[in-house]
Amino acid sequence: TNSEGCSDTETKTITVTNGPQADFMFTGQCQGSPVAFTDLTAGSATVVITAWIWNFGDPGSGINNTSNLQNPTHLFANPGTYAVQLITWSNSGCTDTVTKNITISSQPPVDFSTQGSCEDTPIHFIPGTVINVNTVATWFWLFGDGSSSIQASPYHTYTSAGTYTATLIISDTAGCSNTISQVINIVSAPVVNFAFTTPGCSQSEVTFTDLT
């Protein structure tokens, strides 16, 4: 309506499309292991997701702190809680944002020692005192000769002398694991033997000679 009292009307139809509903999930929450992120953003027959921007809340990782992939992975170097953000765009130019916290657990400390070094003699494998045995869920030993054990502190016998690489892998109740390997030197057992002189009669001296 203008100042003269004249008026006019116009009607236009506006089409409003559904925007994306950003969402994601992740697997793996351990220090030193890549975390896999899976985009779960909802679309429809007419709403197609065309772009993704991830921010992992980990500025210490430099250029790796962001990603444009739909389903990226990210390696968190340090334990802690991180706010991970996903922004998605649809083919209509609509956008949505979601932020979720992810807690990265530290790797369990791992160490071991051995008692014994002779072939054909049981060698005792002893977990190190740095290990919190109350939080260990699984033990897995590889003795380097094709044998293994799932006991916490096993014994193992090497049938041949040589150098072997023994490995201990532990997993804790948080699902995180750690590994350590050590070189084990197994030495040959002595082959005992001796000789002696045959006495001619009683009261004669017998000489014994070690031939080990």
C-alpha atoms as a PDB file:
ATOM      1  CA  THR A   1       0.000   0.000   0.000  1.00  0.00           C
ATOM      2  CA  ASN A   2       1.397   3.385  -0.989  1.00  0.00           C
ATOM      3  CA  SER A   3       0.704   6.913   0.333  1.00  0.00           C
ATOM      4  CA  GLU A   4      -2.149   7.317  -2.134  1.00  0.00           C
ATOM      5  CA  GLY A   5      -3.993   4.336  -0.713  1.00  0.00           C
ATOM      6  CA  CYS A   6      -3.310   2.057  -3.703  1.00  0.00           C
ATOM      7  CA  SER A   7      -2.282  -1.543  -2.993  1.00  0.00           C
ATOM      8  CA  ASP A   8      -1.137  -4.624  -4.803  1.00  0.00           C
ATOM      9  CA  THR A   9      -0.416  -8.244  -3.826  1.00  0.00           C
ATOM     10  CA  GLU A  10       2.003 -10.881  -5.080  1.00  0.00           C
ATOM     11  CA  THR A  11       2.373 -14.483  -3.904  1.00  0.00           C
ATOM     12  CA  LYS A  12       5.349 -16.757  -4.524  1.00  0.00           C
ATOM     13  CA  THR A  13       5.900 -20.388  -3.556  1.00  0.00           C
ATOM     14  CA  ILE A  14       9.053 -21.109  -1.549  1.00  0.00           C
ATOM     15  CA  THR A  15      10.323 -24.712  -1.340  1.00  0.00           C
ATOM     16  CA  VAL A  16      12.121 -25.550   1.932  1.00  0.00           C
ATOM     17  CA  THR A  17      14.176 -28.740   1.809  1.00  0.00           C
ATOM     18  CA  ASN A  18      15.266 -30.862   4.716  1.00  0.00           C
ATOM     19  CA  GLY A  19      18.801 -30.128   5.857  1.00  0.00           C
ATOM     20  CA  PRO A  20      21.342 -32.749   6.909  1.00  0.00           C
ATOM     21  CA  GLN A  21      21.283 -34.120  10.455  1.00  0.00           C
ATOM     22  CA  ALA A  22      24.950 -34.456  11.331  1.00  0.00           C
ATOM     23  CA  ASP A  23      26.035 -37.456  13.391  1.00  0.00           C
ATOM     24  CA  PHE A  24      28.998 -39.815  13.662  1.00  0.00           C
ATOM     25  CA  MET A  25      30.416 -42.745  15.607  1.00  0.00           C
ATOM     26  CA  PHE A  26      33.970 -43.788  16.406  1.00  0.00           C
ATOM     27  CA  THR A  27      35.868 -46.960  17.281  1.00  0.00           C
ATOM     28  CA  GLY A  28      39.124 -47.221  19.199  1.00  0.00           C
ATOM     29  CA  GLN A  29      40.014 -44.968  22.110  1.00  0.00           C
ATOM     30  CA  CYS A  30      43.632 -45.850  22.878  1.00  0.00           C
ATOM     31  CA  GLN A  31      46.785 -43.759  22.791  1.00  0.00           C
ATOM     32  CA  GLY A  32      49.001 -44.665  19.867  1.00  0.00           C
ATOM     33  CA  SER A  33      46.239 -46.414  17.882  1.00  0.00           C
ATOM     34  CA  PRO A  34      44.262 -44.688  15.099  1.00  0.00           C
ATOM     35  CA  VAL A  35      40.650 -43.871  15.954  1.00  0.00           C
ATOM     36  CA  ALA A  36      38.231 -44.601  13.087  1.00  0.00           C
ATOM     37  CA  PHE A  37      35.389 -42.096  12.611  1.00  0.00           C
ATOM     38  CA  THR A  38      32.256 -43.088  10.676  1.00  0.00           C
ATOM     39  CA  ASP A  39      29.865 -40.464   9.280  1.00  0.00           C
ATOM     40  CA  LEU A  40      26.237 -41.154  10.215  1.00  0.00           C
ATOM     41  CA  THR A  41      24.750 -37.934   8.827  1.00  0.00           C
ATOM     42  CA  ALA A  42      21.122 -38.497   7.815  1.00  0.00           C
ATOM     43  CA  GLY A  43      19.993 -37.495   4.329  1.00  0.00           C
ATOM     44  CA  SER A  44      17.060 -38.528   2.160  1.00  0.00           C
ATOM     45  CA  ALA A  45      16.127 -39.265  -1.427  1.00  0.00           C
ATOM     46  CA  THR A  46      16.483 -35.571  -2.231  1.00  0.00           C
ATOM     47  CA  VAL A  47      19.080 -34.581   0.378  1.00  0.00           C
ATOM     48  CA  VAL A  48      22.558 -35.743  -0.589  1.00  0.00           C
ATOM     49  CA  ILE A  49      25.538 -35.045   1.683  1.00  0.00           C
ATOM     50  CA  THR A  50      28.250 -33.458  -0.422  1.00  0.00           C
ATOM     51  CA  ALA A  51      30.900 -32.195   2.018  1.00  0.00           C
ATOM     52  CA  TRP A  52      32.378 -32.944   5.429  1.00  0.00           C
ATOM     53  CA  ILE A  53      34.717 -30.959   7.664  1.00  0.00           C
ATOM     54  CA  TRP A  54      36.153 -32.689  10.713  1.00  0.00           C
ATOM     55  CA  ASN A  55      37.986 -30.979  13.560  1.00  0.00           C
ATOM     56  CA  PHE A  56      39.478 -33.484  15.990  1.00  0.00           C
ATOM     57  CA  GLY A  57      40.163 -30.987  18.782  1.00  0.00           C
ATOM     58  CA  ASP A  58      43.830 -31.987  18.720  1.00  0.00           C
ATOM     59  CA  PRO A  59      45.792 -28.889  17.632  1.00  0.00           C
ATOM     60  CA  GLY A  60      49.056 -30.556  18.563  1.00  0.00           C
ATOM     61  CA  SER A  61      48.646 -32.827  15.537  1.00  0.00           C
ATOM     62  CA  GLY A  62      49.093 -29.863  13.163  1.00  0.00           C
ATOM     63  CA  ILE A  63      47.583 -30.197   9.712  1.00  0.00           C
ATOM     64  CA  ASN A  64      46.251 -33.638  10.682  1.00  0.00           C
ATOM     65  CA  ASN A  65      43.816 -31.977  13.106  1.00  0.00           C
ATOM     66  CA  THR A  66      41.241 -31.549  10.315  1.00  0.00           C
ATOM     67  CA  SER A  67      39.941 -33.716   7.485  1.00  0.00           C
ATOM     68  CA  ASN A  68      37.565 -33.451   4.528  1.00  0.00           C
ATOM     69  CA  LEU A  69      37.067 -37.207   4.221  1.00  0.00           C
ATOM     70  CA  GLN A  70      33.707 -38.751   4.933  1.00  0.00           C
ATOM     71  CA  ASN A  71      35.148 -41.484   7.180  1.00  0.00           C
ATOM     72  CA  PRO A  72      38.609 -40.434   8.380  1.00  0.00           C
ATOM     73  CA  THR A  73      40.985 -41.828  10.999  1.00  0.00           C
ATOM     74  CA  HIS A  74      42.989 -39.801  13.480  1.00  0.00           C
ATOM     75  CA  LEU A  75      45.913 -40.683  15.740  1.00  0.00           C
ATOM     76  CA  PHE A  76      45.787 -39.007  19.153  1.00  0.00           C
ATOM     77  CA  ALA A  77      49.356 -38.946  20.489  1.00  0.00           C
ATOM     78  CA  ASN A  78      48.398 -38.135  24.080  1.00  0.00           C
ATOM     79  CA  PRO A  79      45.686 -39.432  26.416  1.00  0.00           C
ATOM     80  CA  GLY A  80      42.891 -37.059  27.397  1.00  0.00           C
ATOM     81  CA  THR A  81      39.413 -35.882  26.388  1.00  0.00           C
ATOM     82  CA  TYR A  82      38.969 -34.259  22.973  1.00  0.00           C
ATOM     83  CA  ALA A  83      35.944 -32.416  21.520  1.00  0.00           C
ATOM     84  CA  VAL A  84      35.535 -33.738  17.963  1.00  0.00           C
ATOM     85  CA  GLN A  85      33.378 -31.635  15.621  1.00  0.00           C
ATOM     86  CA  LEU A  86      31.763 -32.621  12.314  1.00  0.00           C
ATOM     87  CA  ILE A  87      30.172 -30.113   9.929  1.00  0.00           C
ATOM     88  CA  THR A  88      28.237 -31.498   6.954  1.00  0.00           C
ATOM     89  CA  TRP A  89      26.751 -29.846   3.838  1.00  0.00           C
ATOM     90  CA  SER A  90      23.960 -31.067   1.587  1.00  0.00           C
ATOM     91  CA  ASN A  91      23.447 -30.553  -2.163  1.00  0.00           C
ATOM     92  CA  SER A  92      20.979 -27.750  -1.347  1.00  0.00           C
ATOM     93  CA  GLY A  93      23.635 -25.804   0.566  1.00  0.00           C
ATOM     94  CA  CYS A  94      22.180 -26.622   4.005  1.00  0.00           C
ATOM     95  CA  THR A  95      24.567 -27.432   6.843  1.00  0.00           C
ATOM     96  CA  ASP A  96      24.524 -28.996  10.291  1.00  0.00           C
ATOM     97  CA  THR A  97      27.106 -29.409  13.060  1.00  0.00           C
ATOM     98  CA  VAL A  98      27.615 -31.994  15.798  1.00  0.00           C
ATOM     99  CA  THR A  99      30.290 -32.175  18.511  1.00  0.00           C
ATOM    100  CA  LYS A 100      31.100 -35.209  20.626  1.00  0.00           C
ATOM    101  CA  ASN A 101      33.704 -35.796  23.340  1.00  0.00           C
ATOM    102  CA  ILE A 102      36.100 -38.698  22.969  1.00  0.00           C
ATOM    103  CA  THR A 103      38.331 -39.898  25.803  1.00  0.00           C
ATOM    104  CA  ILE A 104      41.678 -41.388  24.787  1.00  0.00           C
ATOM    105  CA  SER A 105      43.116 -43.843  27.319  1.00  0.00           C
ATOM    106  CA  SER A 106      46.846 -44.268  27.848  1.00  0.00           C
ATOM    107  CA  GLN A 107      48.649 -47.453  26.842  1.00  0.00           C
ATOM    108  CA  PRO A 108      49.228 -49.851  29.738  1.00  0.00           C
ATOM    109  CA  PRO A 109      52.899 -49.996  30.782  1.00  0.00           C
ATOM    110  CA  VAL A 110      54.546 -53.317  29.944  1.00  0.00           C
ATOM    111  CA  ASP A 111      57.852 -54.997  30.827  1.00  0.00           C
ATOM    112  CA  PHE A 112      59.168 -58.436  31.728  1.00  0.00           C
ATOM    113  CA  SER A 113      62.269 -60.291  32.874  1.00  0.00           C
ATOM    114  CA  THR A 114      63.432 -63.913  32.675  1.00  0.00           C
ATOM    115  CA  GLN A 115      65.080 -66.409  34.989  1.00  0.00           C
ATOM    116  CA  GLY A 116      67.288 -69.060  33.436  1.00  0.00           C
ATOM    117  CA  SER A 117      69.171 -69.307  30.138  1.00  0.00           C
ATOM    118  CA  CYS A 118      69.916 -72.994  29.495  1.00  0.00           C
ATOM    119  CA  GLU A 119      68.490 -75.195  26.776  1.00  0.00           C
ATOM    120  CA  ASP A 120      66.201 -78.048  27.844  1.00  0.00           C
ATOM    121  CA  THR A 121      65.592 -76.203  31.129  1.00  0.00           C
ATOM    122  CA  PRO A 122      62.351 -74.299  31.924  1.00  0.00           C
ATOM    123  CA  ILE A 123      62.812 -70.530  31.598  1.00  0.00           C
ATOM    124  CA  HIS A 124      60.562 -68.427  33.842  1.00  0.00           C
ATOM    125  CA  PHE A 125      58.981 -65.345  32.218  1.00  0.00           C
ATOM    126  CA  ILE A 126      58.082 -62.759  34.867  1.00  0.00           C
ATOM    127  CA  PRO A 127      55.878 -59.668  34.243  1.00  0.00           C
ATOM    128  CA  GLY A 128      57.536 -56.395  35.229  1.00  0.00           C
ATOM    129  CA  THR A 129      56.497 -54.495  38.324  1.00  0.00           C
ATOM    130  CA  VAL A 130      55.339 -51.573  36.134  1.00  0.00           C
ATOM    131  CA  ILE A 131      52.365 -53.672  35.022  1.00  0.00           C
ATOM    132  CA  ASN A 132      49.148 -53.199  36.982  1.00  0.00           C
ATOM    133  CA  VAL A 133      48.076 -56.833  36.987  1.00  0.00           C
ATOM    134  CA  ASN A 134      44.663 -55.874  38.394  1.00  0.00           C
ATOM    135  CA  THR A 135      43.744 -54.092  35.137  1.00  0.00           C
ATOM    136  CA  VAL A 136      45.223 -56.612  32.681  1.00  0.00           C
ATOM    137  CA  ALA A 137      42.483 -58.393  30.747  1.00  0.00           C
ATOM    138  CA  THR A 138      44.636 -60.663  28.553  1.00  0.00           C
ATOM    139  CA  TRP A 139      48.231 -61.878  28.405  1.00  0.00           C
ATOM    140  CA  PHE A 140      49.850 -63.174  25.224  1.00  0.00           C
ATOM    141  CA  TRP A 141      53.452 -64.380  25.075  1.00  0.00           C
ATOM    142  CA  LEU A 142      55.376 -65.251  21.905  1.00  0.00           C
ATOM    143  CA  PHE A 143      58.594 -67.076  22.740  1.00  0.00           C
ATOM    144  CA  GLY A 144      60.266 -66.710  19.337  1.00  0.00           C
ATOM    145  CA  ASP A 145      60.425 -70.426  18.583  1.00  0.00           C
ATOM    146  CA  GLY A 146      56.858 -70.852  17.363  1.00  0.00           C
ATOM    147  CA  SER A 147      55.410 -71.385  20.842  1.00  0.00           C
ATOM    148  CA  SER A 148      53.082 -69.090  22.781  1.00  0.00           C
ATOM    149  CA  SER A 149      51.213 -68.801  26.087  1.00  0.00           C
ATOM    150  CA  ILE A 150      48.270 -66.898  27.549  1.00  0.00           C
ATOM    151  CA  GLN A 151      49.392 -67.343  31.163  1.00  0.00           C
ATOM    152  CA  ALA A 152      50.429 -64.339  33.235  1.00  0.00           C
ATOM    153  CA  SER A 153      53.847 -65.712  34.237  1.00  0.00           C
ATOM    154  CA  PRO A 154      54.623 -68.835  32.196  1.00  0.00           C
ATOM    155  CA  TYR A 155      57.558 -71.226  32.011  1.00  0.00           C
ATOM    156  CA  HIS A 156      58.964 -72.224  28.636  1.00  0.00           C
ATOM    157  CA  THR A 157      61.655 -74.679  27.605  1.00  0.00           C
ATOM    158  CA  TYR A 158      63.860 -74.012  24.567  1.00  0.00           C
ATOM    159  CA  THR A 159      65.096 -77.273  23.071  1.00  0.00           C
ATOM    160  CA  SER A 160      67.987 -75.685  21.164  1.00  0.00           C
ATOM    161  CA  ALA A 161      70.572 -73.092  22.068  1.00  0.00           C
ATOM    162  CA  GLY A 162      70.417 -69.791  20.183  1.00  0.00           C
ATOM    163  CA  THR A 163      69.031 -66.283  20.193  1.00  0.00           C
ATOM    164  CA  TYR A 164      65.277 -65.820  20.400  1.00  0.00           C
ATOM    165  CA  THR A 165      63.046 -62.720  20.410  1.00  0.00           C
ATOM    166  CA  ALA A 166      60.377 -63.059  23.094  1.00  0.00           C
ATOM    167  CA  THR A 167      57.351 -60.758  22.983  1.00  0.00           C
ATOM    168  CA  LEU A 168      54.706 -59.898  25.572  1.00  0.00           C
ATOM    169  CA  ILE A 169      51.392 -58.310  24.500  1.00  0.00           C
ATOM    170  CA  ILE A 170      48.947 -57.205  27.183  1.00  0.00           C
ATOM    171  CA  SER A 171      45.453 -55.746  26.884  1.00  0.00           C
ATOM    172  CA  ASP A 172      43.798 -53.900  29.759  1.00  0.00           C
ATOM    173  CA  THR A 173      40.195 -53.584  30.864  1.00  0.00           C
ATOM    174  CA  ALA A 174      39.856 -50.338  28.864  1.00  0.00           C
ATOM    175  CA  GLY A 175      40.611 -52.255  25.660  1.00  0.00           C
ATOM    176  CA  CYS A 176      44.063 -50.723  25.180  1.00  0.00           C
ATOM    177  CA  SER A 177      47.151 -52.825  24.498  1.00  0.00           C
ATOM    178  CA  ASN A 178      50.924 -52.525  24.559  1.00  0.00           C
ATOM    179  CA  THR A 179      53.822 -54.687  23.404  1.00  0.00           C
ATOM    180  CA  ILE A 180      57.439 -55.251  24.364  1.00  0.00           C
ATOM    181  CA  SER A 181      60.070 -57.561  22.853  1.00  0.00           C
ATOM    182  CA  GLN A 182      63.368 -58.730  24.308  1.00  0.00           C
ATOM    183  CA  VAL A 183      66.212 -60.851  22.978  1.00  0.00           C
ATOM    184  CA  ILE A 184      66.692 -64.090  24.930  1.00  0.00           C
ATOM    185  CA  ASN A 185      70.070 -65.867  24.687  1.00  0.00           C
ATOM    186  CA  ILE A 186      69.797 -69.601  25.331  1.00  0.00           C
ATOM    187  CA  VAL A 187      73.098 -71.415  25.893  1.00  0.00           C
ATOM    188  CA  SER A 188      73.939 -75.071  25.414  1.00  0.00           C
ATOM    189  CA  ALA A 189      74.021 -77.333  28.414  1.00  0.00           C
ATOM    190  CA  PRO A 190      77.419 -78.906  29.148  1.00  0.00           C
ATOM    191  CA  VAL A 191      77.914 -82.519  28.036  1.00  0.00           C
ATOM    192  CA  VAL A 192      79.312 -84.178  31.133  1.00  0.00           C
ATOM    193  CA  ASN A 193      81.866 -86.995  30.827  1.00  0.00           C
ATOM    194  CA  PHE A 194      84.933 -88.314  32.568  1.00  0.00           C
ATOM    195  CA  ALA A 195      87.557 -91.054  32.317  1.00  0.00           C
ATOM    196  CA  PHE A 196      89.450 -93.048  34.960  1.00  0.00           C
ATOM    197  CA  THR A 197      92.378 -95.417  35.172  1.00  0.00           C
ATOM    198  CA  THR A 198      91.642 -99.033  35.943  1.00  0.00           C
ATOM    199  CA  PRO A 199      93.283-100.101  39.172  1.00  0.00           C
ATOM    200  CA  GLY A 200      95.322-103.285  39.159  1.00  0.00           C
ATOM    201  CA  CYS A 201      94.252-104.161  42.649  1.00  0.00           C
ATOM    202  CA  SER A 202      92.746-102.778  45.794  1.00  0.00           C
ATOM    203  CA  GLN A 203      94.638-100.066  47.575  1.00  0.00           C
ATOM    204  CA  SER A 204      95.924 -98.841  44.171  1.00  0.00           C
ATOM    205  CA  GLU A 205      95.387 -95.193  43.245  1.00  0.00           C
ATOM    206  CA  VAL A 206      92.700 -94.456  40.593  1.00  0.00           C
ATOM    207  CA  THR A 207      93.059 -91.277  38.483  1.00  0.00           C
ATOM    208  CA  PHE A 208      89.847 -89.527  37.366  1.00  0.00           C
ATOM    209  CA  THR A 209      89.981 -87.136  34.344  1.00  0.00           C
ATOM    210  CA  ASP A 210      87.175 -84.685  33.575  1.00  0.00           C
ATOM    211  CA  LEU A 211      86.110 -84.837  29.920  1.00  0.00           C
ATOM    212  CA  THR A 212      83.154 -82.418  30.119  1.00  0.00           C
END
